[in-house]
PDB file of N, CA and C in Angstrom:
ATOM      1  N   MET A   1      75.273 106.483 113.623  1.00  0.00           N
ATOM      2  CA  MET A   1      75.309 107.640 114.505  1.00  0.00           C
ATOM      3  C   MET A   1      74.907 106.640 115.730  1.00  0.00           C
ATOM      4  N   LYS A   2      75.576 107.767 116.094  1.00  0.00           N
ATOM      5  CA  LYS A   2      75.476 107.609 118.403  1.00  0.00           C
ATOM      6  C   LYS A   2      75.655 107.784 118.814  1.00  0.00           C
ATOM      7  N   LYS A   3      75.102 108.219 120.380  1.00  0.00           N
ATOM      8  CA  LYS A   3      75.583 109.203 121.231  1.00  0.00           C
ATOM      9  C   LYS A   3      76.085 108.471 122.371  1.00  0.00           C
ATOM     10  N   VAL A   4      77.114 108.767 122.789  1.00  0.00           N
ATOM     11  CA  VAL A   4      77.034 108.371 124.626  1.00  0.00           C
ATOM     12  C   VAL A   4      77.443 109.624 125.134  1.00  0.00           C
ATOM     13  N   ALA A   5      77.268 109.526 126.356  1.00  0.00           N
ATOM     14  CA  ALA A   5      77.635 110.512 127.424  1.00  0.00           C
ATOM     15  C   ALA A   5      79.377 110.435 127.700  1.00  0.00           C
ATOM     16  N   ILE A   6      79.803 111.707 127.897  1.00  0.00           N
ATOM     17  CA  ILE A   6      81.533 111.267 128.147  1.00  0.00           C
ATOM     18  C   ILE A   6      81.734 112.491 129.498  1.00  0.00           C
ATOM     19  N   SER A   7      82.819 112.511 129.764  1.00  0.00           N
ATOM     20  CA  SER A   7      82.847 113.278 131.034  1.00  0.00           C
ATOM     21  C   SER A   7      84.882 114.022 131.029  1.00  0.00           C
ATOM     22  N   LEU A   8      84.786 114.920 130.048  1.00  0.00           N
ATOM     23  CA  LEU A   8      86.187 115.834 130.179  1.00  0.00           C
ATOM     24  C   LEU A   8      86.121 117.210 131.676  1.00  0.00           C
ATOM     25  N   ASN A   9      86.620 116.127 131.765  1.00  0.00           N
ATOM     26  CA  ASN A   9      85.821 117.596 133.445  1.00  0.00           C
ATOM     27  C   ASN A   9      87.896 117.832 134.034  1.00  0.00           C
ATOM     28  N   SER A  10      89.087 117.994 132.971  1.00  0.00           N
ATOM     29  CA  SER A  10      90.419 118.095 133.121  1.00  0.00           C
ATOM     30  C   SER A  10      91.059 119.023 132.128  1.00  0.00           C
ATOM     31  N   ILE A  11      91.436 119.259 132.008  1.00  0.00           N
ATOM     32  CA  ILE A  11      92.616 120.384 130.533  1.00  0.00           C
ATOM     33  C   ILE A  11      93.185 118.531 130.475  1.00  0.00           C
ATOM     34  N   ASP A  12      93.979 118.067 130.320  1.00  0.00           N
ATOM     35  CA  ASP A  12      95.069 116.943 129.972  1.00  0.00           C
ATOM     36  C   ASP A  12      93.805 116.054 129.359  1.00  0.00           C
ATOM     37  N   LYS A  13      92.681 115.468 130.265  1.00  0.00           N
ATOM     38  CA  LYS A  13      91.189 114.848 128.902  1.00  0.00           C
ATOM     39  C   LYS A  13      91.459 115.430 128.087  1.00  0.00           C
ATOM     40  N   VAL A  14      91.302 116.782 128.142  1.00  0.00           N
ATOM     41  CA  VAL A  14      90.347 117.356 126.657  1.00  0.00           C
ATOM     42  C   VAL A  14      91.897 116.866 125.743  1.00  0.00           C
ATOM     43  N   LYS A  15      92.449 117.385 125.828  1.00  0.00           N
ATOM     44  CA  LYS A  15      93.543 117.692 124.770  1.00  0.00           C
ATOM     45  C   LYS A  15      93.432 115.659 124.645  1.00  0.00           C
ATOM     46  N   SER A  16      93.696 114.994 125.731  1.00  0.00           N
ATOM     47  CA  SER A  16      93.647 113.435 125.467  1.00  0.00           C
ATOM     48  C   SER A  16      92.686 112.970 124.239  1.00  0.00           C
ATOM     49  N   PHE A  17      91.273 113.385 124.655  1.00  0.00           N
ATOM     50  CA  PHE A  17      90.192 113.048 124.134  1.00  0.00           C
ATOM     51  C   PHE A  17      90.385 113.814 122.717  1.00  0.00           C
ATOM     52  N   VAL A  18      90.939 114.648 122.265  1.00  0.00           N
ATOM     53  CA  VAL A  18      90.438 115.647 121.064  1.00  0.00           C
ATOM     54  C   VAL A  18      91.280 114.625 119.859  1.00  0.00           C
ATOM     55  N   ASN A  19      92.695 113.987 121.140  1.00  0.00           N
ATOM     56  CA  ASN A  19      93.694 113.079 120.125  1.00  0.00           C
ATOM     57  C   ASN A  19      93.705 112.170 119.765  1.00  0.00           C
ATOM     58  N   THR A  20      92.983 111.414 120.560  1.00  0.00           N
ATOM     59  CA  THR A  20      92.232 110.108 120.183  1.00  0.00           C
ATOM     60  C   THR A  20      91.163 110.216 119.393  1.00  0.00           C
ATOM     61  N   ILE A  21      89.622 111.505 119.410  1.00  0.00           N
ATOM     62  CA  ILE A  21      89.223 111.291 117.764  1.00  0.00           C
ATOM     63  C   ILE A  21      89.524 111.868 117.016  1.00  0.00           C
ATOM     64  N   SER A  22      90.911 112.325 116.815  1.00  0.00           N
ATOM     65  CA  SER A  22      91.399 113.083 115.511  1.00  0.00           C
ATOM     66  C   SER A  22      92.002 112.087 114.180  1.00  0.00           C
ATOM     67  N   LYS A  23      91.820 111.591 114.968  1.00  0.00           N
ATOM     68  CA  LYS A  23      92.894 109.638 114.923  1.00  0.00           C
ATOM     69  C   LYS A  23      91.484 108.871 113.847  1.00  0.00           C
ATOM     70  N   PHE A  24      90.112 109.752 113.920  1.00  0.00           N
ATOM     71  CA  PHE A  24      89.258 108.562 112.382  1.00  0.00           C
ATOM     72  C   PHE A  24      88.523 109.926 112.056  1.00  0.00           C
ATOM     73  N   ASP A  25      88.496 109.160 110.920  1.00  0.00           N
ATOM     74  CA  ASP A  25      88.239 110.490 109.366  1.00  0.00           C
ATOM     75  C   ASP A  25      86.297 110.877 110.453  1.00  0.00           C
ATOM     76  N   SER A  26      85.789 110.221 110.992  1.00  0.00           N
ATOM     77  CA  SER A  26      84.269 110.598 111.154  1.00  0.00           C
ATOM     78  C   SER A  26      84.422 111.962 111.495  1.00  0.00           C
ATOM     79  N   ASP A  27      82.869 112.209 112.208  1.00  0.00           N
ATOM     80  CA  ASP A  27      82.746 113.692 112.103  1.00  0.00           C
ATOM     81  C   ASP A  27      81.745 113.202 113.647  1.00  0.00           C
ATOM     82  N   PHE A  28      82.178 114.264 114.835  1.00  0.00           N
ATOM     83  CA  PHE A  28      81.246 114.236 116.019  1.00  0.00           C
ATOM     84  C   PHE A  28      81.421 115.316 115.781  1.00  0.00           C
ATOM     85  N   ASP A  29      79.938 115.224 116.916  1.00  0.00           N
ATOM     86  CA  ASP A  29      79.883 116.717 117.559  1.00  0.00           C
ATOM     87  C   ASP A  29      79.888 116.418 118.703  1.00  0.00           C
ATOM     88  N   LEU A  30      80.034 117.595 119.783  1.00  0.00           N
ATOM     89  CA  LEU A  30      79.384 117.498 121.516  1.00  0.00           C
ATOM     90  C   LEU A  30      78.304 118.215 122.004  1.00  0.00           C
ATOM     91  N   ILE A  31      76.951 117.884 122.180  1.00  0.00           N
ATOM     92  CA  ILE A  31      75.944 118.127 122.829  1.00  0.00           C
ATOM     93  C   ILE A  31      76.030 118.971 124.462  1.00  0.00           C
ATOM     94  N   SER A  32      76.251 120.339 124.348  1.00  0.00           N
ATOM     95  CA  SER A  32      75.881 120.541 125.917  1.00  0.00           C
ATOM     96  C   SER A  32      74.746 121.482 125.898  1.00  0.00           C
ATOM     97  N   GLY A  33      73.906 120.972 126.564  1.00  0.00           N
ATOM     98  CA  GLY A  33      72.610 122.421 126.279  1.00  0.00           C
ATOM     99  C   GLY A  33      72.498 122.535 124.910  1.00  0.00           C
ATOM    100  N   ARG A  34      71.968 124.098 124.578  1.00  0.00           N
ATOM    101  CA  ARG A  34      72.136 124.614 123.014  1.00  0.00           C
ATOM    102  C   ARG A  34      73.035 124.315 122.085  1.00  0.00           C
ATOM    103  N   TYR A  35      74.425 124.082 123.379  1.00  0.00           N
ATOM    104  CA  TYR A  35      75.147 124.340 122.079  1.00  0.00           C
ATOM    105  C   TYR A  35      76.074 123.194 121.769  1.00  0.00           C
ATOM    106  N   VAL A  36      76.154 123.166 120.024  1.00  0.00           N
ATOM    107  CA  VAL A  36      76.633 122.426 119.674  1.00  0.00           C
ATOM    108  C   VAL A  36      78.039 121.693 119.178  1.00  0.00           C
ATOM    109  N   ILE A  37      79.237 121.909 119.499  1.00  0.00           N
ATOM    110  CA  ILE A  37      80.446 121.942 118.844  1.00  0.00           C
ATOM    111  C   ILE A  37      81.373 120.894 117.870  1.00  0.00           C
ATOM    112  N   ASP A  38      82.304 121.120 116.939  1.00  0.00           N
ATOM    113  CA  ASP A  38      82.955 120.098 116.546  1.00  0.00           C
ATOM    114  C   ASP A  38      83.915 119.818 117.696  1.00  0.00           C
ATOM    115  N   ALA A  39      83.664 118.249 117.807  1.00  0.00           N
ATOM    116  CA  ALA A  39      84.478 117.699 118.627  1.00  0.00           C
ATOM    117  C   ALA A  39      85.808 117.005 118.938  1.00  0.00           C
ATOM    118  N   LYS A  40      86.439 117.958 117.778  1.00  0.00           N
ATOM    119  CA  LYS A  40      87.877 118.158 117.835  1.00  0.00           C
ATOM    120  C   LYS A  40      88.822 119.157 117.778  1.00  0.00           C
ATOM    121  N   SER A  41      87.621 120.109 118.089  1.00  0.00           N
ATOM    122  CA  SER A  41      88.163 121.541 118.460  1.00  0.00           C
ATOM    123  C   SER A  41      88.235 121.554 119.765  1.00  0.00           C
ATOM    124  N   ILE A  42      89.581 121.877 119.918  1.00  0.00           N
ATOM    125  CA  ILE A  42      89.484 121.862 121.436  1.00  0.00           C
ATOM    126  C   ILE A  42      89.623 123.599 122.089  1.00  0.00           C
ATOM    127  N   MET A  43      89.544 124.090 121.689  1.00  0.00           N
ATOM    128  CA  MET A  43      89.010 125.898 121.846  1.00  0.00           C
ATOM    129  C   MET A  43      86.875 126.051 122.209  1.00  0.00           C
ATOM    130  N   GLY A  44      86.136 124.662 121.198  1.00  0.00           N
ATOM    131  CA  GLY A  44      85.563 124.077 121.427  1.00  0.00           C
ATOM    132  C   GLY A  44      84.671 124.523 122.515  1.00  0.00           C
ATOM    133  N   ILE A  45      85.834 122.689 122.761  1.00  0.00           N
ATOM    134  CA  ILE A  45      85.296 122.118 123.970  1.00  0.00           C
ATOM    135  C   ILE A  45      85.746 123.374 125.523  1.00  0.00           C
ATOM    136  N   PHE A  46      86.870 123.893 124.994  1.00  0.00           N
ATOM    137  CA  PHE A  46      86.769 125.346 126.076  1.00  0.00           C
ATOM    138  C   PHE A  46      85.745 125.802 126.620  1.00  0.00           C
ATOM    139  N   SER A  47      84.805 126.165 125.654  1.00  0.00           N
ATOM    140  CA  SER A  47      83.382 127.239 125.592  1.00  0.00           C
ATOM    141  C   SER A  47      82.525 126.910 126.047  1.00  0.00           C
ATOM    142  N   LEU A  48      82.251 124.898 125.737  1.00  0.00           N
ATOM    143  CA  LEU A  48      81.397 124.300 126.582  1.00  0.00           C
ATOM    144  C   LEU A  48      82.190 124.204 128.484  1.00  0.00           C
ATOM    145  N   ASP A  49      80.235 123.724 129.098  1.00  0.00           N
ATOM    146  CA  ASP A  49      80.426 123.809 130.686  1.00  0.00           C
ATOM    147  C   ASP A  49      81.116 122.030 130.884  1.00  0.00           C
ATOM    148  N   LEU A  50      82.253 122.385 131.416  1.00  0.00           N
ATOM    149  CA  LEU A  50      82.423 120.750 131.321  1.00  0.00           C
ATOM    150  C   LEU A  50      82.330 120.803 132.418  1.00  0.00           C
ATOM    151  N   SER A  51      81.825 120.921 133.865  1.00  0.00           N
ATOM    152  CA  SER A  51      81.825 120.061 134.790  1.00  0.00           C
ATOM    153  C   SER A  51      80.636 119.420 135.102  1.00  0.00           C
ATOM    154  N   GLN A  52      79.805 119.271 134.153  1.00  0.00           N
ATOM    155  CA  GLN A  52      78.301 118.480 133.426  1.00  0.00           C
ATOM    156  C   GLN A  52      78.882 117.492 132.747  1.00  0.00           C
ATOM    157  N   PRO A  53      78.709 115.810 132.692  1.00  0.00           N
ATOM    158  CA  PRO A  53      78.440 115.564 131.589  1.00  0.00           C
ATOM    159  C   PRO A  53      78.283 115.707 130.317  1.00  0.00           C
ATOM    160  N   ILE A  54      78.637 115.885 129.285  1.00  0.00           N
ATOM    161  CA  ILE A  54      78.458 115.926 128.141  1.00  0.00           C
ATOM    162  C   ILE A  54      78.157 115.334 126.490  1.00  0.00           C
ATOM    163  N   GLU A  55      77.445 115.339 125.754  1.00  0.00           N
ATOM    164  CA  GLU A  55      75.884 114.377 124.977  1.00  0.00           C
ATOM    165  C   GLU A  55      77.892 114.911 123.916  1.00  0.00           C
ATOM    166  N   LEU A  56      77.988 113.340 123.486  1.00  0.00           N
ATOM    167  CA  LEU A  56      78.368 112.734 121.926  1.00  0.00           C
ATOM    168  C   LEU A  56      78.381 112.953 120.947  1.00  0.00           C
ATOM    169  N   THR A  57      78.230 113.035 119.768  1.00  0.00           N
ATOM    170  CA  THR A  57      77.032 112.552 118.374  1.00  0.00           C
ATOM    171  C   THR A  57      78.898 111.976 117.610  1.00  0.00           C
ATOM    172  N   ILE A  58      78.802 110.951 117.474  1.00  0.00           N
ATOM    173  CA  ILE A  58      79.850 109.715 116.406  1.00  0.00           C
ATOM    174  C   ILE A  58      77.986 109.787 115.441  1.00  0.00           C
ATOM    175  N   HIS A  59      79.353 110.863 114.504  1.00  0.00           N
ATOM    176  CA  HIS A  59      79.086 109.899 113.107  1.00  0.00           C
ATOM    177  C   HIS A  59      79.136 109.443 112.275  1.00  0.00           C
ATOM    178  N   ALA A  60      78.815 107.959 112.360  1.00  0.00           N
ATOM    179  CA  ALA A  60      79.692 107.125 111.638  1.00  0.00           C
ATOM    180  C   ALA A  60      79.153 105.447 111.349  1.00  0.00           C
ATOM    181  N   ASP A  61      79.165 105.136 110.440  1.00  0.00           N
ATOM    182  CA  ASP A  61      79.091 104.145 110.599  1.00  0.00           C
ATOM    183  C   ASP A  61      79.012 102.325 110.782  1.00  0.00           C
ATOM    184  N   ASP A  62      80.784 102.614 111.257  1.00  0.00           N
ATOM    185  CA  ASP A  62      81.032 101.317 111.940  1.00  0.00           C
ATOM    186  C   ASP A  62      81.436 102.025 113.600  1.00  0.00           C
ATOM    187  N   ASP A  63      81.412 101.925 114.299  1.00  0.00           N
ATOM    188  CA  ASP A  63      81.509 102.746 115.656  1.00  0.00           C
ATOM    189  C   ASP A  63      82.478 102.113 116.540  1.00  0.00           C
ATOM    190  N   ALA A  64      82.170 100.241 116.161  1.00  0.00           N
ATOM    191  CA  ALA A  64      82.543  99.918 117.418  1.00  0.00           C
ATOM    192  C   ALA A  64      84.513  99.951 117.877  1.00  0.00           C
ATOM    193  N   ALA A  65      85.407 100.603 116.891  1.00  0.00           N
ATOM    194  CA  ALA A  65      86.761 101.510 116.994  1.00  0.00           C
ATOM    195  C   ALA A  65      86.567 102.283 118.061  1.00  0.00           C
ATOM    196  N   ILE A  66      86.028 103.198 117.331  1.00  0.00           N
ATOM    197  CA  ILE A  66      85.570 104.069 117.606  1.00  0.00           C
ATOM    198  C   ILE A  66      85.396 104.721 119.151  1.00  0.00           C
ATOM    199  N   LEU A  67      83.812 103.252 120.067  1.00  0.00           N
ATOM    200  CA  LEU A  67      83.418 103.725 121.131  1.00  0.00           C
ATOM    201  C   LEU A  67      84.826 103.275 121.975  1.00  0.00           C
ATOM    202  N   GLU A  68      85.565 101.565 122.186  1.00  0.00           N
ATOM    203  CA  GLU A  68      86.322 101.744 122.492  1.00  0.00           C
ATOM    204  C   GLU A  68      87.634 102.126 122.464  1.00  0.00           C
ATOM    205  N   ALA A  69      87.787 102.672 121.841  1.00  0.00           N
ATOM    206  CA  ALA A  69      89.171 104.342 121.807  1.00  0.00           C
ATOM    207  C   ALA A  69      88.990 105.950 122.399  1.00  0.00           C
ATOM    208  N   ILE A  70      86.984 105.847 123.010  1.00  0.00           N
ATOM    209  CA  ILE A  70      86.920 106.912 124.011  1.00  0.00           C
ATOM    210  C   ILE A  70      85.684 105.757 125.157  1.00  0.00           C
ATOM    211  N   LYS A  71      86.356 105.101 125.511  1.00  0.00           N
ATOM    212  CA  LYS A  71      85.689 104.062 126.664  1.00  0.00           C
ATOM    213  C   LYS A  71      86.673 104.821 128.286  1.00  0.00           C
ATOM    214  N   PRO A  72      87.849 105.026 127.852  1.00  0.00           N
ATOM    215  CA  PRO A  72      88.241 105.891 128.638  1.00  0.00           C
ATOM    216  C   PRO A  72      87.063 106.943 129.614  1.00  0.00           C
ATOM    217  N   TYR A  73      86.591 107.590 128.664  1.00  0.00           N
ATOM    218  CA  TYR A  73      85.532 109.233 128.914  1.00  0.00           C
ATOM    219  C   TYR A  73      84.082 109.122 128.891  1.00  0.00           C
ATOM    220  N   GLN A  74      83.526 107.361 128.658  1.00  0.00           N
ATOM    221  CA  GLN A  74      82.134 107.456 129.066  1.00  0.00           C
ATOM    222  C   GLN A  74      82.751 107.608 130.494  1.00  0.00           C
ATOM    223  N   VAL A  75      81.043 108.055 130.640  1.00  0.00           N
ATOM    224  CA  VAL A  75      79.637 108.101 132.099  1.00  0.00           C
ATOM    225  C   VAL A  75      79.595 106.840 132.259  1.00  0.00           C
TER     226      VAL A  75
END
């Protein structure tokens, strides 16, 4: 399990992010304050405060390819 701070401050970034992580079989959670949502859910992401960086939790043993894929969203 790995935690990374990401920024999704536009609609296009959210769509691109969900498409990117949906290619992986692992589970991903986005944590904003006390809310935890499935990172593969576009509707869930839009329920969060996207003006601030969000914490992404990656539930995978081998996360090197995932970290490379999400590099454009990291802060």
